[in-house]
N, C-alpha and C. Protein backbone atom coordinates (compact mmCIF):
# COMPACT_ATOMS: atom_id res chain seq x y z
N UNK A 1 0.83 -1.17 0.00
CA UNK A 1 0.00 0.00 0.00
C UNK A 1 0.88 1.23 0.00
N UNK A 2 0.47 2.24 -0.74
CA UNK A 2 1.23 3.48 -0.84
C UNK A 2 0.68 4.50 0.16
N UNK A 3 1.59 5.13 0.90
CA UNK A 3 1.22 6.14 1.90
C UNK A 3 2.12 7.35 1.70
N UNK A 4 1.49 8.53 1.60
CA UNK A 4 2.23 9.79 1.44
C UNK A 4 2.42 10.42 2.81
N UNK A 5 3.63 10.93 3.05
CA UNK A 5 3.99 11.49 4.35
C UNK A 5 4.50 12.92 4.19
N UNK A 6 3.99 13.81 5.05
CA UNK A 6 4.49 15.19 5.09
C UNK A 6 5.63 15.24 6.11
N UNK A 7 6.82 15.51 5.60
CA UNK A 7 8.01 15.52 6.45
C UNK A 7 8.98 16.59 5.98
N UNK A 8 9.52 17.35 6.93
CA UNK A 8 10.53 18.35 6.58
C UNK A 8 11.90 17.72 6.39
N UNK A 9 12.18 16.65 7.13
CA UNK A 9 13.54 16.11 7.16
C UNK A 9 13.70 14.70 6.59
N UNK A 10 12.59 14.06 6.22
CA UNK A 10 12.67 12.71 5.67
C UNK A 10 12.85 11.62 6.71
N UNK A 11 12.85 11.98 7.97
CA UNK A 11 12.99 11.00 9.05
C UNK A 11 11.76 10.93 9.94
N UNK A 12 11.15 12.10 10.17
CA UNK A 12 10.02 12.20 11.09
C UNK A 12 8.77 12.71 10.35
N UNK A 13 7.61 12.32 10.84
CA UNK A 13 6.35 12.91 10.39
C UNK A 13 6.22 14.19 11.21
N UNK A 14 6.50 15.33 10.58
CA UNK A 14 6.63 16.56 11.36
C UNK A 14 6.19 17.81 10.60
N UNK A 15 5.30 17.64 9.63
CA UNK A 15 4.89 18.81 8.86
C UNK A 15 3.37 18.86 8.74
N UNK A 16 2.85 20.07 8.84
CA UNK A 16 1.43 20.36 8.66
C UNK A 16 1.09 20.17 7.18
N UNK A 17 -0.06 19.59 6.90
CA UNK A 17 -0.48 19.37 5.51
C UNK A 17 -0.41 20.65 4.69
N UNK A 18 -0.96 21.73 5.20
CA UNK A 18 -1.03 22.98 4.45
C UNK A 18 0.31 23.64 4.20
N UNK A 19 1.33 23.28 4.96
CA UNK A 19 2.65 23.88 4.80
C UNK A 19 3.56 23.04 3.91
N UNK A 20 3.16 21.82 3.64
CA UNK A 20 4.00 20.91 2.86
C UNK A 20 4.08 21.33 1.40
N UNK A 21 5.26 21.20 0.83
CA UNK A 21 5.47 21.43 -0.60
C UNK A 21 5.91 20.15 -1.29
N UNK A 22 5.89 19.07 -0.51
CA UNK A 22 6.21 17.75 -1.06
C UNK A 22 5.67 16.68 -0.11
N UNK A 23 5.44 15.53 -0.67
CA UNK A 23 5.14 14.33 0.12
C UNK A 23 6.16 13.28 -0.25
N UNK A 24 6.60 12.56 0.75
CA UNK A 24 7.42 11.38 0.52
C UNK A 24 6.45 10.21 0.44
N UNK A 25 6.55 9.42 -0.61
CA UNK A 25 5.62 8.31 -0.81
C UNK A 25 6.34 7.00 -0.48
N UNK A 26 5.73 6.26 0.43
CA UNK A 26 6.29 4.99 0.89
C UNK A 26 5.39 3.85 0.48
N UNK A 27 6.01 2.73 0.13
CA UNK A 27 5.29 1.49 -0.10
C UNK A 27 5.42 0.68 1.18
N UNK A 28 4.28 0.39 1.80
CA UNK A 28 4.26 -0.37 3.04
C UNK A 28 3.71 -1.75 2.71
N UNK A 29 4.55 -2.77 2.93
CA UNK A 29 4.18 -4.13 2.57
C UNK A 29 4.68 -5.06 3.67
N UNK A 30 3.77 -5.53 4.50
CA UNK A 30 4.16 -6.40 5.61
C UNK A 30 5.06 -5.67 6.59
N UNK A 31 6.29 -6.13 6.72
CA UNK A 31 7.23 -5.51 7.65
C UNK A 31 8.21 -4.57 6.94
N UNK A 32 8.00 -4.35 5.64
CA UNK A 32 8.90 -3.50 4.87
C UNK A 32 8.25 -2.16 4.56
N UNK A 33 9.00 -1.09 4.83
CA UNK A 33 8.58 0.28 4.50
C UNK A 33 9.67 0.85 3.62
N UNK A 34 9.32 1.14 2.37
CA UNK A 34 10.33 1.56 1.40
C UNK A 34 9.91 2.88 0.75
N UNK A 35 10.82 3.86 0.76
CA UNK A 35 10.59 5.12 0.07
C UNK A 35 10.63 4.85 -1.43
N UNK A 36 9.53 5.23 -2.14
CA UNK A 36 9.47 4.94 -3.57
C UNK A 36 9.35 6.19 -4.43
N UNK A 37 8.99 7.33 -3.83
CA UNK A 37 8.82 8.53 -4.66
C UNK A 37 8.77 9.77 -3.78
N UNK A 38 8.94 10.90 -4.43
CA UNK A 38 8.78 12.20 -3.79
C UNK A 38 7.93 13.04 -4.72
N UNK A 39 6.81 13.54 -4.21
CA UNK A 39 5.89 14.33 -5.02
C UNK A 39 5.95 15.79 -4.56
N UNK A 40 6.30 16.67 -5.47
CA UNK A 40 6.37 18.10 -5.16
C UNK A 40 5.17 18.81 -5.76
N UNK A 41 4.70 19.86 -5.06
CA UNK A 41 3.52 20.58 -5.49
C UNK A 41 3.47 21.94 -4.82
N UNK A 42 2.50 22.76 -5.22
CA UNK A 42 2.29 24.06 -4.62
C UNK A 42 1.72 23.90 -3.22
N UNK A 43 2.20 24.69 -2.29
CA UNK A 43 1.72 24.66 -0.91
C UNK A 43 0.23 25.00 -0.87
N UNK A 44 -0.54 24.23 -0.10
CA UNK A 44 -1.98 24.45 0.02
C UNK A 44 -2.30 25.73 0.79
N UNK A 45 -1.61 25.97 1.88
CA UNK A 45 -1.90 27.11 2.75
C UNK A 45 -1.17 28.36 2.27
N UNK A 46 -1.94 29.44 2.07
CA UNK A 46 -1.35 30.70 1.63
C UNK A 46 -1.53 31.80 2.67
N UNK A 47 -2.23 31.50 3.75
CA UNK A 47 -2.53 32.47 4.80
C UNK A 47 -3.41 33.61 4.28
N UNK A 48 -4.11 33.39 3.19
CA UNK A 48 -5.02 34.39 2.62
C UNK A 48 -6.42 34.14 3.18
N UNK A 49 -6.85 34.99 4.10
CA UNK A 49 -8.15 34.81 4.74
C UNK A 49 -9.31 34.88 3.75
N UNK A 50 -9.12 35.56 2.64
CA UNK A 50 -10.16 35.68 1.64
C UNK A 50 -10.35 34.42 0.81
N UNK A 51 -9.34 33.55 0.81
CA UNK A 51 -9.41 32.32 0.03
C UNK A 51 -8.87 31.14 0.84
N UNK A 52 -9.58 30.77 1.91
CA UNK A 52 -9.05 29.72 2.77
C UNK A 52 -9.06 28.32 2.14
N UNK A 53 -10.00 28.06 1.24
CA UNK A 53 -10.06 26.75 0.60
C UNK A 53 -9.62 26.91 -0.85
N UNK A 54 -8.64 26.18 -1.21
CA UNK A 54 -8.05 26.32 -2.54
C UNK A 54 -8.25 25.02 -3.31
N UNK A 55 -9.47 24.81 -3.78
CA UNK A 55 -9.84 23.57 -4.45
C UNK A 55 -8.92 23.20 -5.61
N UNK A 56 -8.55 24.13 -6.50
CA UNK A 56 -7.66 23.74 -7.61
C UNK A 56 -6.29 23.24 -7.14
N UNK A 57 -5.75 23.87 -6.10
CA UNK A 57 -4.46 23.43 -5.56
C UNK A 57 -4.60 22.05 -4.92
N UNK A 58 -5.68 21.87 -4.18
CA UNK A 58 -5.92 20.57 -3.54
C UNK A 58 -6.08 19.48 -4.60
N UNK A 59 -6.81 19.77 -5.65
CA UNK A 59 -6.99 18.80 -6.74
C UNK A 59 -5.64 18.45 -7.37
N UNK A 60 -4.78 19.44 -7.56
CA UNK A 60 -3.45 19.19 -8.14
C UNK A 60 -2.62 18.30 -7.21
N UNK A 61 -2.73 18.51 -5.90
CA UNK A 61 -2.01 17.67 -4.94
C UNK A 61 -2.50 16.24 -5.05
N UNK A 62 -3.82 16.05 -5.06
CA UNK A 62 -4.40 14.71 -5.17
C UNK A 62 -3.97 14.05 -6.47
N UNK A 63 -4.03 14.81 -7.57
CA UNK A 63 -3.63 14.24 -8.86
C UNK A 63 -2.16 13.82 -8.85
N UNK A 64 -1.31 14.58 -8.17
CA UNK A 64 0.12 14.24 -8.13
C UNK A 64 0.38 12.96 -7.34
N UNK A 65 -0.53 12.63 -6.43
CA UNK A 65 -0.35 11.42 -5.61
C UNK A 65 -0.66 10.14 -6.37
N UNK A 66 -1.35 10.24 -7.49
CA UNK A 66 -1.63 9.07 -8.30
C UNK A 66 -2.41 8.02 -7.55
N UNK A 67 -1.83 6.83 -7.41
CA UNK A 67 -2.53 5.72 -6.78
C UNK A 67 -2.39 5.69 -5.26
N UNK A 68 -1.79 6.70 -4.70
CA UNK A 68 -1.64 6.81 -3.25
C UNK A 68 -2.90 7.46 -2.69
N UNK A 69 -3.63 6.73 -1.84
CA UNK A 69 -4.90 7.22 -1.32
C UNK A 69 -4.87 7.45 0.19
N UNK A 70 -3.67 7.53 0.76
CA UNK A 70 -3.53 7.77 2.20
C UNK A 70 -2.44 8.81 2.41
N UNK A 71 -2.75 9.81 3.25
CA UNK A 71 -1.82 10.88 3.59
C UNK A 71 -1.65 10.92 5.10
N UNK A 72 -0.41 11.02 5.55
CA UNK A 72 -0.10 11.15 6.97
C UNK A 72 0.66 12.46 7.16
N UNK A 73 0.20 13.26 8.11
CA UNK A 73 0.84 14.55 8.39
C UNK A 73 0.75 14.85 9.88
N UNK A 74 1.51 15.84 10.32
CA UNK A 74 1.51 16.20 11.74
C UNK A 74 0.24 16.93 12.14
N UNK A 75 -0.35 17.69 11.22
CA UNK A 75 -1.60 18.40 11.46
C UNK A 75 -2.28 18.64 10.13
N UNK A 76 -3.61 18.79 10.19
CA UNK A 76 -4.38 19.16 9.00
C UNK A 76 -5.65 19.85 9.48
N UNK A 77 -6.04 20.90 8.79
CA UNK A 77 -7.26 21.60 9.13
C UNK A 77 -8.48 20.79 8.72
N UNK A 78 -9.60 21.09 9.36
CA UNK A 78 -10.83 20.36 9.08
C UNK A 78 -11.29 20.55 7.63
N UNK A 79 -11.15 21.77 7.10
CA UNK A 79 -11.57 22.04 5.72
C UNK A 79 -10.86 21.17 4.71
N UNK A 80 -9.52 21.23 4.65
CA UNK A 80 -8.83 20.39 3.68
C UNK A 80 -9.00 18.90 3.95
N UNK A 81 -9.13 18.53 5.21
CA UNK A 81 -9.34 17.11 5.51
C UNK A 81 -10.66 16.62 4.91
N UNK A 82 -11.71 17.40 5.06
CA UNK A 82 -13.01 17.03 4.50
C UNK A 82 -12.96 17.02 2.97
N UNK A 83 -12.27 17.98 2.38
CA UNK A 83 -12.14 18.02 0.92
C UNK A 83 -11.38 16.81 0.41
N UNK A 84 -10.30 16.44 1.11
CA UNK A 84 -9.53 15.26 0.70
C UNK A 84 -10.37 14.01 0.77
N UNK A 85 -11.17 13.87 1.82
CA UNK A 85 -12.05 12.70 1.95
C UNK A 85 -13.00 12.62 0.76
N UNK A 86 -13.55 13.77 0.34
CA UNK A 86 -14.45 13.79 -0.81
C UNK A 86 -13.74 13.38 -2.09
N UNK A 87 -12.45 13.59 -2.14
CA UNK A 87 -11.65 13.22 -3.31
C UNK A 87 -11.05 11.82 -3.20
N UNK A 88 -11.42 11.09 -2.15
CA UNK A 88 -10.98 9.71 -2.00
C UNK A 88 -9.65 9.52 -1.31
N UNK A 89 -9.18 10.54 -0.59
CA UNK A 89 -7.91 10.45 0.13
C UNK A 89 -8.20 10.35 1.62
N UNK A 90 -7.68 9.31 2.25
CA UNK A 90 -7.82 9.12 3.69
C UNK A 90 -6.66 9.83 4.39
N UNK A 91 -6.95 10.60 5.43
CA UNK A 91 -5.90 11.35 6.13
C UNK A 91 -5.74 10.84 7.55
N UNK A 92 -4.51 10.89 8.02
CA UNK A 92 -4.18 10.51 9.39
C UNK A 92 -3.22 11.54 9.96
N UNK A 93 -3.44 11.89 11.21
CA UNK A 93 -2.54 12.80 11.92
C UNK A 93 -1.67 11.96 12.84
N UNK A 94 -0.36 12.13 12.71
CA UNK A 94 0.58 11.37 13.53
C UNK A 94 1.88 12.16 13.61
N UNK A 95 2.73 11.75 14.52
CA UNK A 95 4.08 12.30 14.57
C UNK A 95 5.02 11.20 14.99
N UNK A 96 6.30 11.44 14.81
CA UNK A 96 7.29 10.44 15.18
C UNK A 96 8.03 9.93 13.96
N UNK A 97 8.88 8.93 14.17
CA UNK A 97 9.68 8.38 13.08
C UNK A 97 8.79 7.76 12.00
N UNK A 98 9.13 8.00 10.75
CA UNK A 98 8.26 7.59 9.65
C UNK A 98 8.06 6.09 9.58
N UNK A 99 9.11 5.33 9.47
CA UNK A 99 8.96 3.90 9.19
C UNK A 99 8.19 3.14 10.27
N UNK A 100 8.53 3.26 11.57
CA UNK A 100 7.73 2.53 12.56
C UNK A 100 6.28 3.01 12.63
N UNK A 101 6.07 4.30 12.42
CA UNK A 101 4.71 4.83 12.46
C UNK A 101 3.88 4.27 11.31
N UNK A 102 4.47 4.19 10.12
CA UNK A 102 3.74 3.64 8.98
C UNK A 102 3.46 2.16 9.14
N UNK A 103 4.37 1.43 9.76
CA UNK A 103 4.13 0.01 10.02
C UNK A 103 2.93 -0.16 10.95
N UNK A 104 2.83 0.66 11.97
CA UNK A 104 1.69 0.58 12.89
C UNK A 104 0.40 1.00 12.19
N UNK A 105 0.47 2.06 11.40
CA UNK A 105 -0.71 2.54 10.68
C UNK A 105 -1.21 1.49 9.70
N UNK A 106 -0.31 0.81 9.03
CA UNK A 106 -0.69 -0.21 8.05
C UNK A 106 -1.51 -1.34 8.69
N UNK A 107 -1.29 -1.60 9.95
CA UNK A 107 -2.05 -2.62 10.66
C UNK A 107 -3.52 -2.23 10.79
N UNK A 108 -3.80 -0.92 10.79
CA UNK A 108 -5.16 -0.43 10.93
C UNK A 108 -5.89 -0.31 9.59
N UNK A 109 -5.13 -0.30 8.52
CA UNK A 109 -5.74 -0.09 7.20
C UNK A 109 -6.08 -1.39 6.51
């Protein structure tokens, strides 16, 4: 299963969804967690109070993820989380080291 992770350093799940400009995509298969791709995109959050929901940017993020339907990040706002769900992306909030966290998460999926 493919899982996208918001991470600033590539070691920890430590980035807010809206601040991320890339996702690290991992293939989680049994006891193996392998980095398979890095997806770069425009940041969702612009701090523009007049345009808090940016549907075209969110759609571009989802399209860039391809067959990856799970996103893990340190935080995500309710608005983008609900929009992602409508687009078929399951979101999880977590923190800590990427590989052990994804192994635990995979047990729930």
